[in-house]
Amino acid sequence: MSSLSSLCERLLETTLELEALVNQPDSDAELWGALLEEREGIMSEISRMLSAGEALSPALREQYVAKADEANRRIFSQMTARKDALYEQMIQLQRAKQVRRQYANLGPNGYGAFFDKRK
């Protein structure tokens, strides 16, 4: 059974690792899932220990939990920005598909020449 201080330390390490991964522009969101699950498991273990009567000292709170919370806020803002960018890409893709469907099979299209013949 881990002590509360070691769990808090693992929480901070996992959160900082997740932050580093999220900040990489080419990182895959699928890789984030494992770290998010690990971090959630650590938090539930901490919560279980706190409900069992153990106390979180102010030193632990300041040294680990506050830093993890601050990193978590940065992670959340970065994930939100990534989600918004992905949403914009999806909208652009939908628009392009709609235009392709609208002009499909409408005559000669060659070498950059485009003939506007809508359905």
PDB file of N, CA and C in Angstrom:
ATOM      1  N   MET A   1       0.846  -1.179   0.000  1.00  0.00           N
ATOM      2  CA  MET A   1       0.000   0.000   0.000  1.00  0.00           C
ATOM      3  C   MET A   1       0.884   1.233   0.000  1.00  0.00           C
ATOM      4  N   SER A   2       0.624   2.140  -0.905  1.00  0.00           N
ATOM      5  CA  SER A   2       1.431   3.342  -1.034  1.00  0.00           C
ATOM      6  C   SER A   2       1.035   4.382  -0.007  1.00  0.00           C
ATOM      7  N   SER A   3       2.004   5.176   0.363  1.00  0.00           N
ATOM      8  CA  SER A   3       1.706   6.261   1.288  1.00  0.00           C
ATOM      9  C   SER A   3       1.105   7.419   0.507  1.00  0.00           C
ATOM     10  N   LEU A   4       0.482   8.303   1.234  1.00  0.00           N
ATOM     11  CA  LEU A   4      -0.167   9.447   0.629  1.00  0.00           C
ATOM     12  C   LEU A   4       0.852  10.346  -0.079  1.00  0.00           C
ATOM     13  N   SER A   5       2.013  10.500   0.502  1.00  0.00           N
ATOM     14  CA  SER A   5       3.028  11.357  -0.114  1.00  0.00           C
ATOM     15  C   SER A   5       3.536  10.755  -1.424  1.00  0.00           C
ATOM     16  N   SER A   6       3.724   9.434  -1.467  1.00  0.00           N
ATOM     17  CA  SER A   6       4.188   8.816  -2.711  1.00  0.00           C
ATOM     18  C   SER A   6       3.109   8.884  -3.790  1.00  0.00           C
ATOM     19  N   LEU A   7       1.841   8.776  -3.389  1.00  0.00           N
ATOM     20  CA  LEU A   7       0.751   8.911  -4.359  1.00  0.00           C
ATOM     21  C   LEU A   7       0.686  10.330  -4.913  1.00  0.00           C
ATOM     22  N   CYS A   8       0.866  11.309  -4.055  1.00  0.00           N
ATOM     23  CA  CYS A   8       0.859  12.705  -4.505  1.00  0.00           C
ATOM     24  C   CYS A   8       2.031  12.967  -5.446  1.00  0.00           C
ATOM     25  N   GLU A   9       3.161  12.372  -5.141  1.00  0.00           N
ATOM     26  CA  GLU A   9       4.329  12.524  -6.003  1.00  0.00           C
ATOM     27  C   GLU A   9       4.070  11.881  -7.373  1.00  0.00           C
ATOM     28  N   ARG A  10       3.473  10.685  -7.374  1.00  0.00           N
ATOM     29  CA  ARG A  10       3.136  10.014  -8.638  1.00  0.00           C
ATOM     30  C   ARG A  10       2.107  10.810  -9.429  1.00  0.00           C
ATOM     31  N   LEU A  11       1.164  11.434  -8.715  1.00  0.00           N
ATOM     32  CA  LEU A  11       0.157  12.262  -9.379  1.00  0.00           C
ATOM     33  C   LEU A  11       0.821  13.427 -10.105  1.00  0.00           C
ATOM     34  N   LEU A  12       1.751  14.091  -9.443  1.00  0.00           N
ATOM     35  CA  LEU A  12       2.448  15.210 -10.064  1.00  0.00           C
ATOM     36  C   LEU A  12       3.284  14.741 -11.254  1.00  0.00           C
ATOM     37  N   GLU A  13       4.004  13.639 -11.094  1.00  0.00           N
ATOM     38  CA  GLU A  13       4.837  13.125 -12.188  1.00  0.00           C
ATOM     39  C   GLU A  13       3.986  12.758 -13.402  1.00  0.00           C
ATOM     40  N   THR A  14       2.886  12.077 -13.162  1.00  0.00           N
ATOM     41  CA  THR A  14       2.009  11.667 -14.258  1.00  0.00           C
ATOM     42  C   THR A  14       1.384  12.873 -14.940  1.00  0.00           C
ATOM     43  N   THR A  15       0.996  13.861 -14.149  1.00  0.00           N
ATOM     44  CA  THR A  15       0.402  15.071 -14.712  1.00  0.00           C
ATOM     45  C   THR A  15       1.412  15.834 -15.552  1.00  0.00           C
ATOM     46  N   LEU A  16       2.640  15.946 -15.083  1.00  0.00           N
ATOM     47  CA  LEU A  16       3.670  16.643 -15.852  1.00  0.00           C
ATOM     48  C   LEU A  16       4.027  15.876 -17.125  1.00  0.00           C
ATOM     49  N   GLU A  17       4.008  14.552 -17.043  1.00  0.00           N
ATOM     50  CA  GLU A  17       4.260  13.731 -18.233  1.00  0.00           C
ATOM     51  C   GLU A  17       3.147  13.934 -19.263  1.00  0.00           C
ATOM     52  N   LEU A  18       1.910  13.982 -18.779  1.00  0.00           N
ATOM     53  CA  LEU A  18       0.774  14.230 -19.660  1.00  0.00           C
ATOM     54  C   LEU A  18       0.874  15.619 -20.288  1.00  0.00           C
ATOM     55  N   GLU A  19       1.269  16.596 -19.499  1.00  0.00           N
ATOM     56  CA  GLU A  19       1.411  17.958 -20.018  1.00  0.00           C
ATOM     57  C   GLU A  19       2.463  18.012 -21.126  1.00  0.00           C
ATOM     58  N   ALA A  20       3.581  17.339 -20.912  1.00  0.00           N
ATOM     59  CA  ALA A  20       4.635  17.314 -21.933  1.00  0.00           C
ATOM     60  C   ALA A  20       4.123  16.661 -23.214  1.00  0.00           C
ATOM     61  N   LEU A  21       3.351  15.605 -23.066  1.00  0.00           N
ATOM     62  CA  LEU A  21       2.810  14.906 -24.227  1.00  0.00           C
ATOM     63  C   LEU A  21       1.792  15.768 -24.968  1.00  0.00           C
ATOM     64  N   VAL A  22       0.927  16.433 -24.228  1.00  0.00           N
ATOM     65  CA  VAL A  22      -0.102  17.276 -24.835  1.00  0.00           C
ATOM     66  C   VAL A  22       0.527  18.476 -25.542  1.00  0.00           C
ATOM     67  N   ASN A  23       1.615  18.978 -25.020  1.00  0.00           N
ATOM     68  CA  ASN A  23       2.270  20.149 -25.611  1.00  0.00           C
ATOM     69  C   ASN A  23       3.042  19.828 -26.886  1.00  0.00           C
ATOM     70  N   GLN A  24       3.281  18.553 -27.159  1.00  0.00           N
ATOM     71  CA  GLN A  24       3.943  18.184 -28.414  1.00  0.00           C
ATOM     72  C   GLN A  24       2.925  18.344 -29.539  1.00  0.00           C
ATOM     73  N   PRO A  25       3.270  19.126 -30.559  1.00  0.00           N
ATOM     74  CA  PRO A  25       2.280  19.397 -31.616  1.00  0.00           C
ATOM     75  C   PRO A  25       1.866  18.159 -32.416  1.00  0.00           C
ATOM     76  N   ASP A  26       2.714  17.159 -32.494  1.00  0.00           N
ATOM     77  CA  ASP A  26       2.385  15.984 -33.296  1.00  0.00           C
ATOM     78  C   ASP A  26       1.965  14.783 -32.460  1.00  0.00           C
ATOM     79  N   SER A  27       1.680  15.002 -31.181  1.00  0.00           N
ATOM     80  CA  SER A  27       1.295  13.873 -30.332  1.00  0.00           C
ATOM     81  C   SER A  27      -0.122  13.420 -30.659  1.00  0.00           C
ATOM     82  N   ASP A  28      -0.344  12.143 -30.499  1.00  0.00           N
ATOM     83  CA  ASP A  28      -1.631  11.536 -30.801  1.00  0.00           C
ATOM     84  C   ASP A  28      -2.496  11.542 -29.543  1.00  0.00           C
ATOM     85  N   ALA A  29      -3.729  11.960 -29.693  1.00  0.00           N
ATOM     86  CA  ALA A  29      -4.639  12.026 -28.546  1.00  0.00           C
ATOM     87  C   ALA A  29      -4.894  10.650 -27.948  1.00  0.00           C
ATOM     88  N   GLU A  30      -4.723   9.594 -28.738  1.00  0.00           N
ATOM     89  CA  GLU A  30      -4.907   8.232 -28.237  1.00  0.00           C
ATOM     90  C   GLU A  30      -3.880   7.903 -27.145  1.00  0.00           C
ATOM     91  N   LEU A  31      -2.694   8.475 -27.273  1.00  0.00           N
ATOM     92  CA  LEU A  31      -1.657   8.226 -26.267  1.00  0.00           C
ATOM     93  C   LEU A  31      -1.981   8.885 -24.933  1.00  0.00           C
ATOM     94  N   TRP A  32      -2.779   9.924 -24.985  1.00  0.00           N
ATOM     95  CA  TRP A  32      -3.146  10.633 -23.756  1.00  0.00           C
ATOM     96  C   TRP A  32      -4.016   9.770 -22.861  1.00  0.00           C
ATOM     97  N   GLY A  33      -4.799   8.882 -23.464  1.00  0.00           N
ATOM     98  CA  GLY A  33      -5.759   8.082 -22.713  1.00  0.00           C
ATOM     99  C   GLY A  33      -5.133   7.260 -21.606  1.00  0.00           C
ATOM    100  N   ALA A  34      -4.009   6.621 -21.895  1.00  0.00           N
ATOM    101  CA  ALA A  34      -3.358   5.783 -20.883  1.00  0.00           C
ATOM    102  C   ALA A  34      -2.915   6.627 -19.686  1.00  0.00           C
ATOM    103  N   LEU A  35      -2.347   7.787 -19.962  1.00  0.00           N
ATOM    104  CA  LEU A  35      -1.911   8.650 -18.859  1.00  0.00           C
ATOM    105  C   LEU A  35      -3.097   9.221 -18.087  1.00  0.00           C
ATOM    106  N   LEU A  36      -4.159   9.544 -18.798  1.00  0.00           N
ATOM    107  CA  LEU A  36      -5.356  10.043 -18.117  1.00  0.00           C
ATOM    108  C   LEU A  36      -5.951   8.981 -17.197  1.00  0.00           C
ATOM    109  N   GLU A  37      -5.975   7.732 -17.673  1.00  0.00           N
ATOM    110  CA  GLU A  37      -6.499   6.640 -16.849  1.00  0.00           C
ATOM    111  C   GLU A  37      -5.608   6.385 -15.638  1.00  0.00           C
ATOM    112  N   GLU A  38      -4.304   6.407 -15.852  1.00  0.00           N
ATOM    113  CA  GLU A  38      -3.376   6.200 -14.740  1.00  0.00           C
ATOM    114  C   GLU A  38      -3.545   7.306 -13.697  1.00  0.00           C
ATOM    115  N   ARG A  39      -3.665   8.525 -14.187  1.00  0.00           N
ATOM    116  CA  ARG A  39      -3.821   9.668 -13.278  1.00  0.00           C
ATOM    117  C   ARG A  39      -5.140   9.584 -12.508  1.00  0.00           C
ATOM    118  N   GLU A  40      -6.190   9.163 -13.186  1.00  0.00           N
ATOM    119  CA  GLU A  40      -7.476   9.024 -12.504  1.00  0.00           C
ATOM    120  C   GLU A  40      -7.413   7.943 -11.432  1.00  0.00           C
ATOM    121  N   GLY A  41      -6.695   6.853 -11.718  1.00  0.00           N
ATOM    122  CA  GLY A  41      -6.522   5.804 -10.715  1.00  0.00           C
ATOM    123  C   GLY A  41      -5.776   6.307  -9.484  1.00  0.00           C
ATOM    124  N   ILE A  42      -4.753   7.107  -9.706  1.00  0.00           N
ATOM    125  CA  ILE A  42      -3.996   7.680  -8.592  1.00  0.00           C
ATOM    126  C   ILE A  42      -4.892   8.605  -7.776  1.00  0.00           C
ATOM    127  N   MET A  43      -5.686   9.423  -8.461  1.00  0.00           N
ATOM    128  CA  MET A  43      -6.576  10.353  -7.748  1.00  0.00           C
ATOM    129  C   MET A  43      -7.632   9.601  -6.948  1.00  0.00           C
ATOM    130  N   SER A  44      -8.156   8.518  -7.489  1.00  0.00           N
ATOM    131  CA  SER A  44      -9.158   7.753  -6.732  1.00  0.00           C
ATOM    132  C   SER A  44      -8.525   7.081  -5.518  1.00  0.00           C
ATOM    133  N   GLU A  45      -7.270   6.636  -5.647  1.00  0.00           N
ATOM    134  CA  GLU A  45      -6.561   6.051  -4.504  1.00  0.00           C
ATOM    135  C   GLU A  45      -6.314   7.109  -3.425  1.00  0.00           C
ATOM    136  N   ILE A  46      -5.939   8.311  -3.841  1.00  0.00           N
ATOM    137  CA  ILE A  46      -5.754   9.410  -2.882  1.00  0.00           C
ATOM    138  C   ILE A  46      -7.075   9.725  -2.201  1.00  0.00           C
ATOM    139  N   SER A  47      -8.131   9.785  -2.980  1.00  0.00           N
ATOM    140  CA  SER A  47      -9.458  10.072  -2.428  1.00  0.00           C
ATOM    141  C   SER A  47      -9.880   9.000  -1.425  1.00  0.00           C
ATOM    142  N   ARG A  48      -9.589   7.738  -1.748  1.00  0.00           N
ATOM    143  CA  ARG A  48      -9.933   6.636  -0.838  1.00  0.00           C
ATOM    144  C   ARG A  48      -9.171   6.779   0.477  1.00  0.00           C
ATOM    145  N   MET A  49      -7.884   7.129   0.384  1.00  0.00           N
ATOM    146  CA  MET A  49      -7.074   7.281   1.591  1.00  0.00           C
ATOM    147  C   MET A  49      -7.549   8.464   2.438  1.00  0.00           C
ATOM    148  N   LEU A  50      -7.943   9.541   1.769  1.00  0.00           N
ATOM    149  CA  LEU A  50      -8.435  10.713   2.504  1.00  0.00           C
ATOM    150  C   LEU A  50      -9.757  10.401   3.196  1.00  0.00           C
ATOM    151  N   SER A  51     -10.620   9.641   2.531  1.00  0.00           N
ATOM    152  CA  SER A  51     -11.894   9.287   3.154  1.00  0.00           C
ATOM    153  C   SER A  51     -11.710   8.270   4.278  1.00  0.00           C
ATOM    154  N   ALA A  52     -10.570   7.550   4.252  1.00  0.00           N
ATOM    155  CA  ALA A  52     -10.272   6.589   5.315  1.00  0.00           C
ATOM    156  C   ALA A  52      -9.691   7.272   6.552  1.00  0.00           C
ATOM    157  N   GLY A  53      -9.481   8.581   6.467  1.00  0.00           N
ATOM    158  CA  GLY A  53      -9.040   9.301   7.649  1.00  0.00           C
ATOM    159  C   GLY A  53      -7.646   9.891   7.571  1.00  0.00           C
ATOM    160  N   GLU A  54      -6.905   9.593   6.524  1.00  0.00           N
ATOM    161  CA  GLU A  54      -5.581  10.200   6.411  1.00  0.00           C
ATOM    162  C   GLU A  54      -5.727  11.666   6.055  1.00  0.00           C
ATOM    163  N   ALA A  55      -4.768  12.459   6.509  1.00  0.00           N
ATOM    164  CA  ALA A  55      -4.829  13.900   6.282  1.00  0.00           C
ATOM    165  C   ALA A  55      -3.758  14.316   5.282  1.00  0.00           C
ATOM    166  N   LEU A  56      -4.121  15.266   4.460  1.00  0.00           N
ATOM    167  CA  LEU A  56      -3.192  15.824   3.477  1.00  0.00           C
ATOM    168  C   LEU A  56      -2.552  17.056   4.101  1.00  0.00           C
ATOM    169  N   SER A  57      -1.281  16.954   4.382  1.00  0.00           N
ATOM    170  CA  SER A  57      -0.597  18.061   5.052  1.00  0.00           C
ATOM    171  C   SER A  57      -0.470  19.254   4.110  1.00  0.00           C
ATOM    172  N   PRO A  58      -0.363  20.446   4.675  1.00  0.00           N
ATOM    173  CA  PRO A  58      -0.180  21.634   3.834  1.00  0.00           C
ATOM    174  C   PRO A  58       1.091  21.555   2.981  1.00  0.00           C
ATOM    175  N   ALA A  59       2.116  20.908   3.496  1.00  0.00           N
ATOM    176  CA  ALA A  59       3.358  20.769   2.734  1.00  0.00           C
ATOM    177  C   ALA A  59       3.126  19.900   1.494  1.00  0.00           C
ATOM    178  N   LEU A  60       2.419  18.774   1.662  1.00  0.00           N
ATOM    179  CA  LEU A  60       2.098  17.914   0.518  1.00  0.00           C
ATOM    180  C   LEU A  60       1.195  18.646  -0.469  1.00  0.00           C
ATOM    181  N   ARG A  61       0.247  19.370   0.082  1.00  0.00           N
ATOM    182  CA  ARG A  61      -0.686  20.109  -0.771  1.00  0.00           C
ATOM    183  C   ARG A  61       0.075  21.119  -1.629  1.00  0.00           C
ATOM    184  N   GLU A  62       0.996  21.837  -1.015  1.00  0.00           N
ATOM    185  CA  GLU A  62       1.753  22.858  -1.744  1.00  0.00           C
ATOM    186  C   GLU A  62       2.785  22.234  -2.678  1.00  0.00           C
ATOM    187  N   GLN A  63       3.467  21.204  -2.197  1.00  0.00           N
ATOM    188  CA  GLN A  63       4.560  20.611  -2.968  1.00  0.00           C
ATOM    189  C   GLN A  63       4.070  19.831  -4.177  1.00  0.00           C
ATOM    190  N   TYR A  64       2.968  19.114  -4.047  1.00  0.00           N
ATOM    191  CA  TYR A  64       2.521  18.231  -5.121  1.00  0.00           C
ATOM    192  C   TYR A  64       1.164  18.604  -5.705  1.00  0.00           C
ATOM    193  N   VAL A  65       0.174  18.719  -4.864  1.00  0.00           N
ATOM    194  CA  VAL A  65      -1.197  18.862  -5.347  1.00  0.00           C
ATOM    195  C   VAL A  65      -1.409  20.202  -6.048  1.00  0.00           C
ATOM    196  N   ALA A  66      -0.901  21.280  -5.489  1.00  0.00           N
ATOM    197  CA  ALA A  66      -1.075  22.591  -6.117  1.00  0.00           C
ATOM    198  C   ALA A  66      -0.366  22.644  -7.470  1.00  0.00           C
ATOM    199  N   LYS A  67       0.812  22.068  -7.550  1.00  0.00           N
ATOM    200  CA  LYS A  67       1.554  22.047  -8.823  1.00  0.00           C
ATOM    201  C   LYS A  67       0.828  21.185  -9.855  1.00  0.00           C
ATOM    202  N   ALA A  68       0.288  20.059  -9.411  1.00  0.00           N
ATOM    203  CA  ALA A  68      -0.462  19.195 -10.324  1.00  0.00           C
ATOM    204  C   ALA A  68      -1.728  19.891 -10.807  1.00  0.00           C
ATOM    205  N   ASP A  69      -2.382  20.632  -9.925  1.00  0.00           N
ATOM    206  CA  ASP A  69      -3.585  21.369 -10.305  1.00  0.00           C
ATOM    207  C   ASP A  69      -3.260  22.459 -11.324  1.00  0.00           C
ATOM    208  N   GLU A  70      -2.170  23.153 -11.115  1.00  0.00           N
ATOM    209  CA  GLU A  70      -1.746  24.200 -12.053  1.00  0.00           C
ATOM    210  C   GLU A  70      -1.426  23.599 -13.422  1.00  0.00           C
ATOM    211  N   ALA A  71      -0.711  22.483 -13.431  1.00  0.00           N
ATOM    212  CA  ALA A  71      -0.400  21.807 -14.695  1.00  0.00           C
ATOM    213  C   ALA A  71      -1.675  21.300 -15.354  1.00  0.00           C
ATOM    214  N   ASN A  72      -2.618  20.837 -14.551  1.00  0.00           N
ATOM    215  CA  ASN A  72      -3.888  20.346 -15.080  1.00  0.00           C
ATOM    216  C   ASN A  72      -4.648  21.458 -15.798  1.00  0.00           C
ATOM    217  N   ARG A  73      -4.597  22.658 -15.278  1.00  0.00           N
ATOM    218  CA  ARG A  73      -5.273  23.789 -15.935  1.00  0.00           C
ATOM    219  C   ARG A  73      -4.627  24.094 -17.283  1.00  0.00           C
ATOM    220  N   ARG A  74      -3.307  24.018 -17.328  1.00  0.00           N
ATOM    221  CA  ARG A  74      -2.616  24.249 -18.605  1.00  0.00           C
ATOM    222  C   ARG A  74      -2.965  23.146 -19.606  1.00  0.00           C
ATOM    223  N   ILE A  75      -3.033  21.907 -19.119  1.00  0.00           N
ATOM    224  CA  ILE A  75      -3.392  20.770 -19.978  1.00  0.00           C
ATOM    225  C   ILE A  75      -4.794  20.971 -20.538  1.00  0.00           C
ATOM    226  N   PHE A  76      -5.708  21.379 -19.681  1.00  0.00           N
ATOM    227  CA  PHE A  76      -7.095  21.555 -20.117  1.00  0.00           C
ATOM    228  C   PHE A  76      -7.196  22.625 -21.193  1.00  0.00           C
ATOM    229  N   SER A  77      -6.498  23.739 -21.029  1.00  0.00           N
ATOM    230  CA  SER A  77      -6.570  24.794 -22.043  1.00  0.00           C
ATOM    231  C   SER A  77      -5.953  24.323 -23.362  1.00  0.00           C
ATOM    232  N   GLN A  78      -4.867  23.553 -23.284  1.00  0.00           N
ATOM    233  CA  GLN A  78      -4.235  23.037 -24.503  1.00  0.00           C
ATOM    234  C   GLN A  78      -5.151  22.027 -25.191  1.00  0.00           C
ATOM    235  N   MET A  79      -5.790  21.160 -24.428  1.00  0.00           N
ATOM    236  CA  MET A  79      -6.707  20.177 -25.011  1.00  0.00           C
ATOM    237  C   MET A  79      -7.907  20.874 -25.650  1.00  0.00           C
ATOM    238  N   THR A  80      -8.395  21.932 -25.025  1.00  0.00           N
ATOM    239  CA  THR A  80      -9.519  22.679 -25.577  1.00  0.00           C
ATOM    240  C   THR A  80      -9.122  23.332 -26.897  1.00  0.00           C
ATOM    241  N   ALA A  81      -7.917  23.892 -26.956  1.00  0.00           N
ATOM    242  CA  ALA A  81      -7.442  24.500 -28.199  1.00  0.00           C
ATOM    243  C   ALA A  81      -7.312  23.453 -29.297  1.00  0.00           C
ATOM    244  N   ARG A  82      -6.801  22.274 -28.951  1.00  0.00           N
ATOM    245  CA  ARG A  82      -6.675  21.196 -29.939  1.00  0.00           C
ATOM    246  C   ARG A  82      -8.050  20.743 -30.426  1.00  0.00           C
ATOM    247  N   LYS A  83      -8.991  20.640 -29.502  1.00  0.00           N
ATOM    248  CA  LYS A  83     -10.349  20.212 -29.861  1.00  0.00           C
ATOM    249  C   LYS A  83     -10.983  21.229 -30.806  1.00  0.00           C
ATOM    250  N   ASP A  84     -10.807  22.518 -30.526  1.00  0.00           N
ATOM    251  CA  ASP A  84     -11.365  23.555 -31.387  1.00  0.00           C
ATOM    252  C   ASP A  84     -10.735  23.523 -32.778  1.00  0.00           C
ATOM    253  N   ALA A  85      -9.435  23.301 -32.865  1.00  0.00           N
ATOM    254  CA  ALA A  85      -8.757  23.224 -34.153  1.00  0.00           C
ATOM    255  C   ALA A  85      -9.256  22.014 -34.943  1.00  0.00           C
ATOM    256  N   LEU A  86      -9.452  20.898 -34.268  1.00  0.00           N
ATOM    257  CA  LEU A  86      -9.972  19.702 -34.925  1.00  0.00           C
ATOM    258  C   LEU A  86     -11.395  19.932 -35.429  1.00  0.00           C
ATOM    259  N   TYR A  87     -12.191  20.624 -34.651  1.00  0.00           N
ATOM    260  CA  TYR A  87     -13.556  20.949 -35.053  1.00  0.00           C
ATOM    261  C   TYR A  87     -13.546  21.808 -36.322  1.00  0.00           C
ATOM    262  N   GLU A  88     -12.652  22.783 -36.377  1.00  0.00           N
ATOM    263  CA  GLU A  88     -12.539  23.630 -37.567  1.00  0.00           C
ATOM    264  C   GLU A  88     -12.126  22.811 -38.790  1.00  0.00           C
ATOM    265  N   GLN A  89     -11.209  21.865 -38.599  1.00  0.00           N
ATOM    266  CA  GLN A  89     -10.800  21.001 -39.705  1.00  0.00           C
ATOM    267  C   GLN A  89     -11.968  20.154 -40.198  1.00  0.00           C
ATOM    268  N   MET A  90     -12.784  19.675 -39.273  1.00  0.00           N
ATOM    269  CA  MET A  90     -13.946  18.876 -39.656  1.00  0.00           C
ATOM    270  C   MET A  90     -14.935  19.711 -40.462  1.00  0.00           C
ATOM    271  N   ILE A  91     -15.146  20.953 -40.065  1.00  0.00           N
ATOM    272  CA  ILE A  91     -16.057  21.835 -40.800  1.00  0.00           C
ATOM    273  C   ILE A  91     -15.531  22.076 -42.212  1.00  0.00           C
ATOM    274  N   GLN A  92     -14.224  22.335 -42.334  1.00  0.00           N
ATOM    275  CA  GLN A  92     -13.638  22.551 -43.663  1.00  0.00           C
ATOM    276  C   GLN A  92     -13.787  21.310 -44.541  1.00  0.00           C
ATOM    277  N   LEU A  93     -13.588  20.144 -43.956  1.00  0.00           N
ATOM    278  CA  LEU A  93     -13.737  18.896 -44.701  1.00  0.00           C
ATOM    279  C   LEU A  93     -15.175  18.711 -45.172  1.00  0.00           C
ATOM    280  N   GLN A  94     -16.137  19.005 -44.301  1.00  0.00           N
ATOM    281  CA  GLN A  94     -17.539  18.880 -44.677  1.00  0.00           C
ATOM    282  C   GLN A  94     -17.892  19.835 -45.810  1.00  0.00           C
ATOM    283  N   ARG A  95     -17.359  21.055 -45.760  1.00  0.00           N
ATOM    284  CA  ARG A  95     -17.614  22.022 -46.832  1.00  0.00           C
ATOM    285  C   ARG A  95     -17.018  21.539 -48.147  1.00  0.00           C
ATOM    286  N   ALA A  96     -15.802  21.018 -48.098  1.00  0.00           N
ATOM    287  CA  ALA A  96     -15.159  20.524 -49.316  1.00  0.00           C
ATOM    288  C   ALA A  96     -15.943  19.352 -49.905  1.00  0.00           C
ATOM    289  N   LYS A  97     -16.426  18.464 -49.065  1.00  0.00           N
ATOM    290  CA  LYS A  97     -17.216  17.326 -49.544  1.00  0.00           C
ATOM    291  C   LYS A  97     -18.517  17.806 -50.179  1.00  0.00           C
ATOM    292  N   GLN A  98     -19.118  18.817 -49.587  1.00  0.00           N
ATOM    293  CA  GLN A  98     -20.375  19.342 -50.116  1.00  0.00           C
ATOM    294  C   GLN A  98     -20.152  19.971 -51.492  1.00  0.00           C
ATOM    295  N   VAL A  99     -19.064  20.705 -51.661  1.00  0.00           N
ATOM    296  CA  VAL A  99     -18.761  21.313 -52.954  1.00  0.00           C
ATOM    297  C   VAL A  99     -18.478  20.233 -53.985  1.00  0.00           C
ATOM    298  N   ARG A 100     -17.724  19.191 -53.606  1.00  0.00           N
ATOM    299  CA  ARG A 100     -17.444  18.101 -54.539  1.00  0.00           C
ATOM    300  C   ARG A 100     -18.721  17.410 -54.993  1.00  0.00           C
ATOM    301  N   ARG A 101     -19.632  17.187 -54.069  1.00  0.00           N
ATOM    302  CA  ARG A 101     -20.903  16.552 -54.422  1.00  0.00           C
ATOM    303  C   ARG A 101     -21.721  17.450 -55.350  1.00  0.00           C
ATOM    304  N   GLN A 102     -21.655  18.742 -55.117  1.00  0.00           N
ATOM    305  CA  GLN A 102     -22.450  19.682 -55.888  1.00  0.00           C
ATOM    306  C   GLN A 102     -21.971  19.752 -57.345  1.00  0.00           C
ATOM    307  N   TYR A 103     -20.672  19.634 -57.562  1.00  0.00           N
ATOM    308  CA  TYR A 103     -20.111  19.759 -58.899  1.00  0.00           C
ATOM    309  C   TYR A 103     -19.704  18.418 -59.516  1.00  0.00           C
ATOM    310  N   ALA A 104     -20.122  17.323 -58.938  1.00  0.00           N
ATOM    311  CA  ALA A 104     -19.722  16.002 -59.434  1.00  0.00           C
ATOM    312  C   ALA A 104     -20.345  15.717 -60.798  1.00  0.00           C
ATOM    313  N   ASN A 105     -19.547  15.130 -61.690  1.00  0.00           N
ATOM    314  CA  ASN A 105     -20.008  14.667 -63.009  1.00  0.00           C
ATOM    315  C   ASN A 105     -20.718  15.752 -63.819  1.00  0.00           C
ATOM    316  N   LEU A 106     -20.162  16.919 -63.867  1.00  0.00           N
ATOM    317  CA  LEU A 106     -20.820  18.011 -64.582  1.00  0.00           C
ATOM    318  C   LEU A 106     -20.062  18.448 -65.826  1.00  0.00           C
ATOM    319  N   GLY A 107     -19.289  17.605 -66.409  1.00  0.00           N
ATOM    320  CA  GLY A 107     -18.626  17.974 -67.642  1.00  0.00           C
ATOM    321  C   GLY A 107     -17.123  18.021 -67.486  1.00  0.00           C
ATOM    322  N   PRO A 108     -16.496  18.580 -68.491  1.00  0.00           N
ATOM    323  CA  PRO A 108     -15.035  18.550 -68.515  1.00  0.00           C
ATOM    324  C   PRO A 108     -14.400  19.442 -67.451  1.00  0.00           C
ATOM    325  N   ASN A 109     -13.515  18.856 -66.720  1.00  0.00           N
ATOM    326  CA  ASN A 109     -12.694  19.563 -65.745  1.00  0.00           C
ATOM    327  C   ASN A 109     -11.266  19.131 -66.018  1.00  0.00           C
ATOM    328  N   GLY A 110     -10.449  20.017 -66.523  1.00  0.00           N
ATOM    329  CA  GLY A 110      -9.101  19.583 -66.820  1.00  0.00           C
ATOM    330  C   GLY A 110      -8.075  20.672 -66.634  1.00  0.00           C
ATOM    331  N   TYR A 111      -6.981  20.297 -66.070  1.00  0.00           N
ATOM    332  CA  TYR A 111      -5.821  21.164 -65.952  1.00  0.00           C
ATOM    333  C   TYR A 111      -6.159  22.531 -65.371  1.00  0.00           C
ATOM    334  N   GLY A 112      -6.957  22.542 -64.368  1.00  0.00           N
ATOM    335  CA  GLY A 112      -7.264  23.788 -63.685  1.00  0.00           C
ATOM    336  C   GLY A 112      -8.463  24.513 -64.258  1.00  0.00           C
ATOM    337  N   ALA A 113      -8.938  24.109 -65.435  1.00  0.00           N
ATOM    338  CA  ALA A 113     -10.128  24.731 -65.991  1.00  0.00           C
ATOM    339  C   ALA A 113     -11.328  24.217 -65.212  1.00  0.00           C
ATOM    340  N   PHE A 114     -12.202  25.116 -64.868  1.00  0.00           N
ATOM    341  CA  PHE A 114     -13.354  24.735 -64.078  1.00  0.00           C
ATOM    342  C   PHE A 114     -14.588  25.366 -64.695  1.00  0.00           C
ATOM    343  N   PHE A 115     -15.547  24.558 -65.019  1.00  0.00           N
ATOM    344  CA  PHE A 115     -16.761  25.038 -65.641  1.00  0.00           C
ATOM    345  C   PHE A 115     -17.886  24.983 -64.613  1.00  0.00           C
ATOM    346  N   ASP A 116     -18.476  26.107 -64.352  1.00  0.00           N
ATOM    347  CA  ASP A 116     -19.496  26.214 -63.318  1.00  0.00           C
ATOM    348  C   ASP A 116     -20.834  25.765 -63.889  1.00  0.00           C
ATOM    349  N   LYS A 117     -21.161  24.519 -63.664  1.00  0.00           N
ATOM    350  CA  LYS A 117     -22.439  23.966 -64.091  1.00  0.00           C
ATOM    351  C   LYS A 117     -23.032  23.228 -62.908  1.00  0.00           C
ATOM    352  N   ARG A 118     -23.760  23.936 -62.120  1.00  0.00           N
ATOM    353  CA  ARG A 118     -24.366  23.339 -60.914  1.00  0.00           C
ATOM    354  C   ARG A 118     -25.519  22.439 -61.278  1.00  0.00           C
ATOM    355  N   LYS A 119     -25.781  21.507 -60.393  1.00  0.00           N
ATOM    356  CA  LYS A 119     -26.914  20.595 -60.577  1.00  0.00           C
ATOM    357  C   LYS A 119     -28.196  21.344 -60.424  1.00  0.00           C
TER     358      LYS A 119
END
